[in-house]
Structures are given as structure tokens and as C-alpha cells.
C-alpha atoms as a PDB file:
ATOM      1  CA  UNK A   1       0.064  -0.137   0.043  1.00  0.00           C
ATOM      2  CA  UNK A   2       1.476   3.355  -0.893  1.00  0.00           C
ATOM      3  CA  UNK A   3       1.018   6.441   1.197  1.00  0.00           C
ATOM      4  CA  UNK A   4      -1.855   8.956   0.483  1.00  0.00           C
ATOM      5  CA  UNK A   5      -0.907  11.541  -1.989  1.00  0.00           C
ATOM      6  CA  UNK A   6      -0.766  15.060  -0.742  1.00  0.00           C
ATOM      7  CA  UNK A   7      -3.227  17.621  -2.137  1.00  0.00           C
ATOM      8  CA  UNK A   8      -1.645  20.181  -4.445  1.00  0.00           C
ATOM      9  CA  UNK A   9      -0.536  23.261  -2.513  1.00  0.00           C
ATOM     10  CA  UNK A  10       0.010  21.305   0.407  1.00  0.00           C
ATOM     11  CA  UNK A  11       3.678  21.463   1.497  1.00  0.00           C
ATOM     12  CA  UNK A  12       3.534  19.761   4.835  1.00  0.00           C
ATOM     13  CA  UNK A  13       6.867  17.745   5.208  1.00  0.00           C
ATOM     14  CA  UNK A  14       6.442  13.869   5.831  1.00  0.00           C
ATOM     15  CA  UNK A  15       8.028  11.969   8.575  1.00  0.00           C
ATOM     16  CA  UNK A  16       8.254   8.167   8.685  1.00  0.00           C
ATOM     17  CA  UNK A  17       8.397   6.534  11.919  1.00  0.00           C
ATOM     18  CA  UNK A  18      10.168   3.035  12.061  1.00  0.00           C
ATOM     19  CA  UNK A  19      10.022   0.614  14.897  1.00  0.00           C
ATOM     20  CA  UNK A  20       6.868   2.144  16.766  1.00  0.00           C
ATOM     21  CA  UNK A  21       3.089   2.714  16.019  1.00  0.00           C
ATOM     22  CA  UNK A  22       0.870   5.558  16.555  1.00  0.00           C
ATOM     23  CA  UNK A  23       1.163   5.000  20.267  1.00  0.00           C
ATOM     24  CA  UNK A  24       4.547   6.484  20.169  1.00  0.00           C
ATOM     25  CA  UNK A  25       3.298   9.931  18.762  1.00  0.00           C
ATOM     26  CA  UNK A  26       3.571  11.400  22.346  1.00  0.00           C
ATOM     27  CA  UNK A  27       7.251  10.773  22.497  1.00  0.00           C
ATOM     28  CA  UNK A  28       7.931  11.191  18.716  1.00  0.00           C
ATOM     29  CA  UNK A  29       6.249  14.545  18.120  1.00  0.00           C
ATOM     30  CA  UNK A  30       8.358  16.760  20.403  1.00  0.00           C
ATOM     31  CA  UNK A  31      11.340  15.633  18.493  1.00  0.00           C
ATOM     32  CA  UNK A  32      10.258  17.758  15.596  1.00  0.00           C
ATOM     33  CA  UNK A  33      10.571  20.980  17.351  1.00  0.00           C
ATOM     34  CA  UNK A  34       8.488  23.870  15.996  1.00  0.00           C
ATOM     35  CA  UNK A  35       7.988  21.964  12.670  1.00  0.00           C
ATOM     36  CA  UNK A  36       4.704  20.379  11.672  1.00  0.00           C
ATOM     37  CA  UNK A  37       4.962  17.024   9.881  1.00  0.00           C
ATOM     38  CA  UNK A  38       2.375  14.405   8.413  1.00  0.00           C
ATOM     39  CA  UNK A  39       3.494  11.392  10.242  1.00  0.00           C
ATOM     40  CA  UNK A  40       3.400   7.961   8.558  1.00  0.00           C
ATOM     41  CA  UNK A  41       4.384   4.507   9.941  1.00  0.00           C
ATOM     42  CA  UNK A  42       6.090   1.416   8.549  1.00  0.00           C
ATOM     43  CA  UNK A  43       3.484  -0.842   7.180  1.00  0.00           C
ATOM     44  CA  UNK A  44       3.398  -4.655   7.754  1.00  0.00           C
ATOM     45  CA  UNK A  45       5.552  -6.430   5.368  1.00  0.00           C
ATOM     46  CA  UNK A  46       7.829  -3.396   4.498  1.00  0.00           C
ATOM     47  CA  UNK A  47      11.305  -3.418   5.269  1.00  0.00           C
ATOM     48  CA  UNK A  48      12.756  -0.055   6.902  1.00  0.00           C
ATOM     49  CA  UNK A  49      15.389   0.555   4.256  1.00  0.00           C
ATOM     50  CA  UNK A  50      13.086  -0.151   1.190  1.00  0.00           C
ATOM     51  CA  UNK A  51      10.169   1.977   2.634  1.00  0.00           C
ATOM     52  CA  UNK A  52      12.425   4.884   3.297  1.00  0.00           C
ATOM     53  CA  UNK A  53      14.096   4.544  -0.118  1.00  0.00           C
ATOM     54  CA  UNK A  54      10.652   4.363  -1.883  1.00  0.00           C
ATOM     55  CA  UNK A  55       8.777   6.993   0.162  1.00  0.00           C
ATOM     56  CA  UNK A  56      11.538   9.428   0.386  1.00  0.00           C
ATOM     57  CA  UNK A  57      10.260  11.081   3.477  1.00  0.00           C
ATOM     58  CA  UNK A  58      11.530  14.520   4.673  1.00  0.00           C
ATOM     59  CA  UNK A  59      12.644  13.032   7.995  1.00  0.00           C
ATOM     60  CA  UNK A  60      13.039   9.480   9.492  1.00  0.00           C
ATOM     61  CA  UNK A  61      12.381   8.738  13.155  1.00  0.00           C
ATOM     62  CA  UNK A  62      13.970   5.273  14.071  1.00  0.00           C
ATOM     63  CA  UNK A  63      12.708   3.888  17.438  1.00  0.00           C
ATOM     64  CA  UNK A  64      14.917   1.111  18.746  1.00  0.00           C
ATOM     65  CA  UNK A  65      16.712  -0.505  21.624  1.00  0.00           C
ATOM     66  CA  UNK A  66      20.368   0.180  22.113  1.00  0.00           C
ATOM     67  CA  UNK A  67      21.169  -3.365  21.218  1.00  0.00           C
ATOM     68  CA  UNK A  68      19.119  -3.647  18.143  1.00  0.00           C
ATOM     69  CA  UNK A  69      21.690  -4.674  15.304  1.00  0.00           C
ATOM     70  CA  UNK A  70      18.983  -4.359  12.558  1.00  0.00           C
ATOM     71  CA  UNK A  71      18.580  -0.607  13.453  1.00  0.00           C
ATOM     72  CA  UNK A  72      22.341  -0.022  13.085  1.00  0.00           C
ATOM     73  CA  UNK A  73      22.417  -1.905   9.808  1.00  0.00           C
ATOM     74  CA  UNK A  74      19.497   0.347   8.410  1.00  0.00           C
ATOM     75  CA  UNK A  75      21.492   3.442   9.351  1.00  0.00           C
ATOM     76  CA  UNK A  76      24.407   2.253   7.641  1.00  0.00           C
ATOM     77  CA  UNK A  77      22.471   1.501   4.633  1.00  0.00           C
ATOM     78  CA  UNK A  78      20.811   4.786   4.532  1.00  0.00           C
ATOM     79  CA  UNK A  79      24.242   6.681   4.871  1.00  0.00           C
ATOM     80  CA  UNK A  80      25.735   4.720   2.117  1.00  0.00           C
ATOM     81  CA  UNK A  81      22.999   4.991  -0.402  1.00  0.00           C
ATOM     82  CA  UNK A  82      23.286   8.369  -2.355  1.00  0.00           C
ATOM     83  CA  UNK A  83      19.373   8.403  -2.547  1.00  0.00           C
ATOM     84  CA  UNK A  84      18.971   8.387   1.205  1.00  0.00           C
ATOM     85  CA  UNK A  85      22.168   9.859   2.660  1.00  0.00           C
ATOM     86  CA  UNK A  86      20.770  13.321   2.968  1.00  0.00           C
ATOM     87  CA  UNK A  87      17.521  12.238   4.775  1.00  0.00           C
ATOM     88  CA  UNK A  88      17.597  13.583   8.317  1.00  0.00           C
ATOM     89  CA  UNK A  89      17.289  10.846  10.864  1.00  0.00           C
ATOM     90  CA  UNK A  90      15.929  11.334  14.377  1.00  0.00           C
ATOM     91  CA  UNK A  91      16.531   8.239  16.657  1.00  0.00           C
ATOM     92  CA  UNK A  92      14.684   7.260  19.868  1.00  0.00           C
ATOM     93  CA  UNK A  93      17.072   4.897  21.648  1.00  0.00           C
ATOM     94  CA  UNK A  94      16.227   3.540  25.144  1.00  0.00           C
ATOM     95  CA  UNK A  95      14.167   6.683  26.047  1.00  0.00           C
ATOM     96  CA  UNK A  96      16.725   9.231  24.613  1.00  0.00           C
ATOM     97  CA  UNK A  97      16.379  11.268  21.520  1.00  0.00           C
ATOM     98  CA  UNK A  98      19.305  11.771  19.160  1.00  0.00           C
ATOM     99  CA  UNK A  99      19.550  13.437  15.758  1.00  0.00           C
ATOM    100  CA  UNK A 100      21.703  12.554  12.684  1.00  0.00           C
ATOM    101  CA  UNK A 101      21.179  15.497  10.502  1.00  0.00           C
ATOM    102  CA  UNK A 102      23.025  16.298   7.167  1.00  0.00           C
ATOM    103  CA  UNK A 103      24.765  19.736   7.573  1.00  0.00           C
ATOM    104  CA  UNK A 104      22.588  21.465   4.889  1.00  0.00           C
ATOM    105  CA  UNK A 105      19.477  20.562   6.864  1.00  0.00           C
ATOM    106  CA  UNK A 106      18.395  23.330   9.640  1.00  0.00           C
ATOM    107  CA  UNK A 107      18.278  21.948  13.197  1.00  0.00           C
ATOM    108  CA  UNK A 108      15.195  23.354  15.018  1.00  0.00           C
ATOM    109  CA  UNK A 109      14.510  20.619  17.536  1.00  0.00           C
ATOM    110  CA  UNK A 110      17.370  21.096  20.008  1.00  0.00           C
ATOM    111  CA  UNK A 111      18.036  17.352  20.070  1.00  0.00           C
ATOM    112  CA  UNK A 112      21.562  16.429  20.725  1.00  0.00           C
ATOM    113  CA  UNK A 113      23.639  14.974  17.866  1.00  0.00           C
ATOM    114  CA  UNK A 114      24.246  11.325  17.855  1.00  0.00           C
ATOM    115  CA  UNK A 115      27.753  11.653  16.520  1.00  0.00           C
ATOM    116  CA  UNK A 116      29.440  10.623  19.755  1.00  0.00           C
ATOM    117  CA  UNK A 117      26.464   8.837  21.526  1.00  0.00           C
ATOM    118  CA  UNK A 118      25.855   6.010  19.111  1.00  0.00           C
ATOM    119  CA  UNK A 119      29.501   4.665  18.518  1.00  0.00           C
ATOM    120  CA  UNK A 120      28.176   1.165  17.375  1.00  0.00           C
ATOM    121  CA  UNK A 121      25.813   2.650  14.762  1.00  0.00           C
ATOM    122  CA  UNK A 122      28.298   5.142  13.260  1.00  0.00           C
ATOM    123  CA  UNK A 123      28.423   4.427   9.381  1.00  0.00           C
ATOM    124  CA  UNK A 124      30.487   7.432   8.410  1.00  0.00           C
END
């Protein structure tokens, strides 16, 4: 199933949440700072990497446990793929929010960078 198309003239950015469902919105929405996003979730049968590549969201939120090897693999794949490496990624790891944001994307949420916090997941 593909996401609903946006109406013409609607420029609301899209966020794709991976690893959590609508019940996670209370924890996820503050991560967007002052921005408003249309939030979609990973559908059953979709793999995270392929869903992100196909949907091309404006921001990705990965919710996972610190020892989740699959999440680290997805982060690496996103950063190595030219089609996805510039997508800002917000992560929610063990109750802590982190950001992996390309330098050209403005930071508005005040979330600390994951550059030194997620050593096992660094792909750069």
C-alpha cells in the first residue's frame, strides 16, 4: 500500500516512523521541534530501508533498543546510499532522543547530535 498523495498546494513535510506505531506519537512529536509533519508509520511487510527509499520522507524517526543490530544496519545502509544519505534521521534509543542530520538541513528541535553517542551505529 502506498502513502496517500498530498493535495496540491500542501507542502507539509512527511515523517516516517520506524519501529513504533501511533502510540509512540507522544514521544515522537516533540522531536520535531517547531515543525509540523505528516507522520506515517512502517506498514506490515515493509522493510525499513526499502520503505524509506521508496517513500523518500523528509525526515525518518527510528525507534529502537540500544542493542538492536538491525537498526544499526539500516542506519549504515541509509548513509551509504546516495538516494537516502541526505535524509535527516531522528532516533529514539532507550528513551533518549538523538539526531543524525546532514549539515545542509536546519536544526530546529534542540535534540543533541548522535555523532558521539551511538558509536556502534556510526556508518561514516
